[in-house]
Amino acid sequence: MKFVIQRVNNADVTVDNKIVGSIGKGFLILFGACETDTADMLPKFVDKIVKLRIFADENGKTNLSITDVGGELLIVSQFTLYADCRKGNRPSFVHAGSPDAANELYEKFIELCRERIPKVETGIFGADMKVRLENDGPFTIVLDSRDFT
C-alpha cells in the first residue's frame, strides 16, 4: 500500500459536479493498493497515521498529531500511485491491486480510521474525482508498505 498524506487547511472531492467529501484542518490521504497487500497490514498504517506528529504546537514545532488538533481525514483512492514509469513514456499499472481487492482494502482502511478519528470523509472508489485542497506548509508524507514489512 501507498499513502500520500498531505496536511491541509481544507480539502474536498467532487464527483459529477457534486461534493462527496469535504474536510477542514487535517489530512488528505491518497490511498493506493498493490497486488501483494493484505488487510492485516492496515492497523499498523492507521496507527502510524493518527500518531504522526506533523502539526505545530504552541512553539511552532511539529509535535502534535491529528488527534491532538482534532483534525479530520479525507481519504481518496488512487491506483495511479502504483504507476511504473521505468520503461517508455506510458505508465504501466500492472502492480496495482485488482479493483475488487483494492476496494476491499480501501473500505477496511476507512473503517479503521473511523474508529480513531471522529470525522472521516471519502471519495468514491473508481469514480472520476476532482480533488481540491489548500495545502498547509506544504507538508506531505509518503508511507509505503515496502518500508513497513
Protein backbone atom coordinates (compact mmCIF):
# COMPACT_ATOMS: atom_id res chain seq x y z
CA MET A 1 0.00 0.00 0.00
CA LYS A 2 0.99 3.56 -0.54
CA PHE A 3 -0.37 6.53 1.33
CA VAL A 4 0.33 10.10 0.28
CA ILE A 5 -0.59 12.21 3.31
CA GLN A 6 -0.97 15.93 2.82
CA ARG A 7 -1.53 18.25 5.76
CA VAL A 8 -4.33 20.56 4.68
CA ASN A 9 -6.29 23.54 5.92
CA ASN A 10 -9.25 22.19 3.92
CA ALA A 11 -9.95 19.76 1.10
CA ASP A 12 -12.85 18.36 -0.86
CA VAL A 13 -13.56 15.82 -3.56
CA THR A 14 -16.20 16.20 -6.26
CA VAL A 15 -17.84 13.56 -8.44
CA ASP A 16 -20.20 14.61 -11.25
CA ASN A 17 -20.11 18.24 -10.05
CA LYS A 18 -21.26 17.24 -6.54
CA ILE A 19 -19.03 17.45 -3.46
CA VAL A 20 -18.99 13.95 -1.97
CA GLY A 21 -16.42 14.59 0.78
CA SER A 22 -15.15 17.73 2.47
CA ILE A 23 -12.93 18.44 5.48
CA GLY A 24 -11.36 21.33 7.31
CA LYS A 25 -7.97 21.07 9.01
CA GLY A 26 -6.48 17.60 8.76
CA PHE A 27 -5.08 15.16 6.23
CA LEU A 28 -5.93 14.47 2.63
CA ILE A 29 -4.84 10.86 2.16
CA LEU A 30 -4.37 9.38 -1.30
CA PHE A 31 -4.61 5.60 -0.96
CA GLY A 32 -3.24 3.00 -3.36
CA ALA A 33 -3.06 -0.77 -3.02
CA CYS A 34 -0.78 -3.19 -4.83
CA GLU A 35 -1.23 -6.81 -5.74
CA THR A 36 0.53 -8.16 -2.63
CA ASP A 37 -1.17 -6.01 0.04
CA THR A 38 -3.35 -7.59 2.69
CA ALA A 39 -5.81 -6.29 5.29
CA ASP A 40 -3.59 -7.36 8.19
CA MET A 41 -1.19 -4.55 7.20
CA LEU A 42 -3.80 -1.82 7.72
CA PRO A 43 -3.83 -1.42 11.54
CA LYS A 44 -0.12 -0.57 11.52
CA PHE A 45 -0.68 2.17 8.95
CA VAL A 46 -3.72 3.61 10.71
CA ASP A 47 -1.75 3.73 13.96
CA LYS A 48 1.17 5.47 12.24
CA ILE A 49 -1.10 7.99 10.52
CA VAL A 50 -3.04 9.00 13.63
CA LYS A 51 0.19 9.34 15.62
CA LEU A 52 2.19 11.32 13.02
CA ARG A 53 3.31 14.49 14.78
CA ILE A 54 3.23 16.97 11.92
CA PHE A 55 1.04 19.75 13.31
CA ALA A 56 2.66 22.72 15.05
CA ASP A 57 2.49 23.14 18.81
CA GLU A 58 2.43 26.49 20.63
CA ASN A 59 6.16 26.90 19.89
CA GLY A 60 5.82 26.23 16.17
CA LYS A 61 7.42 22.76 16.44
CA THR A 62 5.83 19.80 14.67
CA ASN A 63 4.88 17.98 17.86
CA LEU A 64 1.12 17.44 17.55
CA SER A 65 -0.81 14.61 15.92
CA ILE A 66 -4.08 14.81 14.06
CA THR A 67 -5.88 13.62 17.18
CA ASP A 68 -4.17 16.32 19.27
CA VAL A 69 -5.54 19.05 16.98
CA GLY A 70 -8.96 17.50 16.38
CA GLY A 71 -8.18 17.11 12.69
CA GLU A 72 -10.23 15.42 10.01
CA LEU A 73 -9.46 12.94 7.21
CA LEU A 74 -10.38 12.93 3.54
CA ILE A 75 -9.43 9.58 2.01
CA VAL A 76 -9.30 9.23 -1.78
CA SER A 77 -8.46 6.04 -3.65
CA GLN A 78 -5.74 6.44 -6.27
CA PHE A 79 -4.43 3.38 -8.09
CA THR A 80 -2.04 5.59 -10.07
CA LEU A 81 0.25 5.62 -7.03
CA TYR A 82 1.44 2.30 -8.45
CA ALA A 83 2.40 3.71 -11.83
CA ASP A 84 5.58 2.15 -13.18
CA CYS A 85 7.33 4.67 -15.42
CA ARG A 86 10.65 2.86 -15.84
CA LYS A 87 10.04 1.83 -19.46
CA GLY A 88 8.73 4.11 -22.16
CA ASN A 89 6.54 7.13 -21.61
CA ARG A 90 3.22 5.48 -20.85
CA PRO A 91 2.90 4.33 -17.23
CA SER A 92 2.15 0.70 -16.52
CA PHE A 93 -0.18 -0.24 -13.67
CA VAL A 94 0.49 -3.99 -13.56
CA HIS A 95 1.45 -3.84 -9.88
CA ALA A 96 -1.71 -2.03 -8.76
CA GLY A 97 -4.15 -4.24 -6.92
CA SER A 98 -7.17 -5.57 -8.73
CA PRO A 99 -10.16 -3.25 -8.39
CA ASP A 100 -12.08 -5.66 -6.12
CA ALA A 101 -9.13 -6.35 -3.81
CA ALA A 102 -8.10 -2.68 -3.71
CA ASN A 103 -11.65 -1.54 -2.92
CA GLU A 104 -11.86 -4.06 -0.09
CA LEU A 105 -8.63 -2.69 1.40
CA TYR A 106 -9.79 0.91 0.86
CA GLU A 107 -13.08 0.26 2.67
CA LYS A 108 -11.31 -1.52 5.55
CA PHE A 109 -8.85 1.36 5.85
CA ILE A 110 -11.74 3.83 6.07
CA GLU A 111 -13.46 1.68 8.69
CA LEU A 112 -10.31 1.53 10.85
CA CYS A 113 -9.75 5.29 10.51
CA ARG A 114 -13.34 5.97 11.62
CA GLU A 115 -12.63 4.05 14.82
CA ARG A 116 -9.91 6.58 15.68
CA ILE A 117 -10.87 9.89 14.02
CA PRO A 118 -14.32 11.48 14.54
CA LYS A 119 -14.68 12.91 11.02
CA VAL A 120 -13.58 10.82 8.04
CA GLU A 121 -14.82 11.76 4.57
CA THR A 122 -14.10 9.88 1.35
CA GLY A 123 -14.12 9.97 -2.38
CA ILE A 124 -15.89 7.29 -4.43
CA PHE A 125 -13.75 4.31 -5.36
CA GLY A 126 -13.24 4.07 -9.12
CA ALA A 127 -15.02 7.34 -9.89
CA ASP A 128 -13.63 10.23 -11.90
CA MET A 129 -12.89 12.57 -9.00
CA LYS A 130 -11.79 16.18 -8.78
CA VAL A 131 -9.81 16.89 -5.63
CA ARG A 132 -9.24 20.40 -4.31
CA LEU A 133 -7.07 21.21 -1.34
CA GLU A 134 -5.37 24.02 0.44
CA ASN A 135 -2.05 22.52 1.42
CA ASP A 136 -0.73 23.55 4.82
CA GLY A 137 3.01 24.05 4.61
CA PRO A 138 3.04 22.33 2.22
CA PHE A 139 3.66 19.24 4.31
CA THR A 140 3.48 15.88 2.51
CA ILE A 141 4.46 12.42 3.81
CA VAL A 142 4.57 9.17 1.82
CA LEU A 143 4.12 5.83 3.57
CA ASP A 144 4.81 2.66 1.60
CA SER A 145 4.13 -0.92 2.73
CA ARG A 146 7.56 -1.93 1.42
CA ASP A 147 9.04 0.20 4.20
CA PHE A 148 6.97 -1.43 6.96
CA THR A 149 7.35 -5.17 6.39
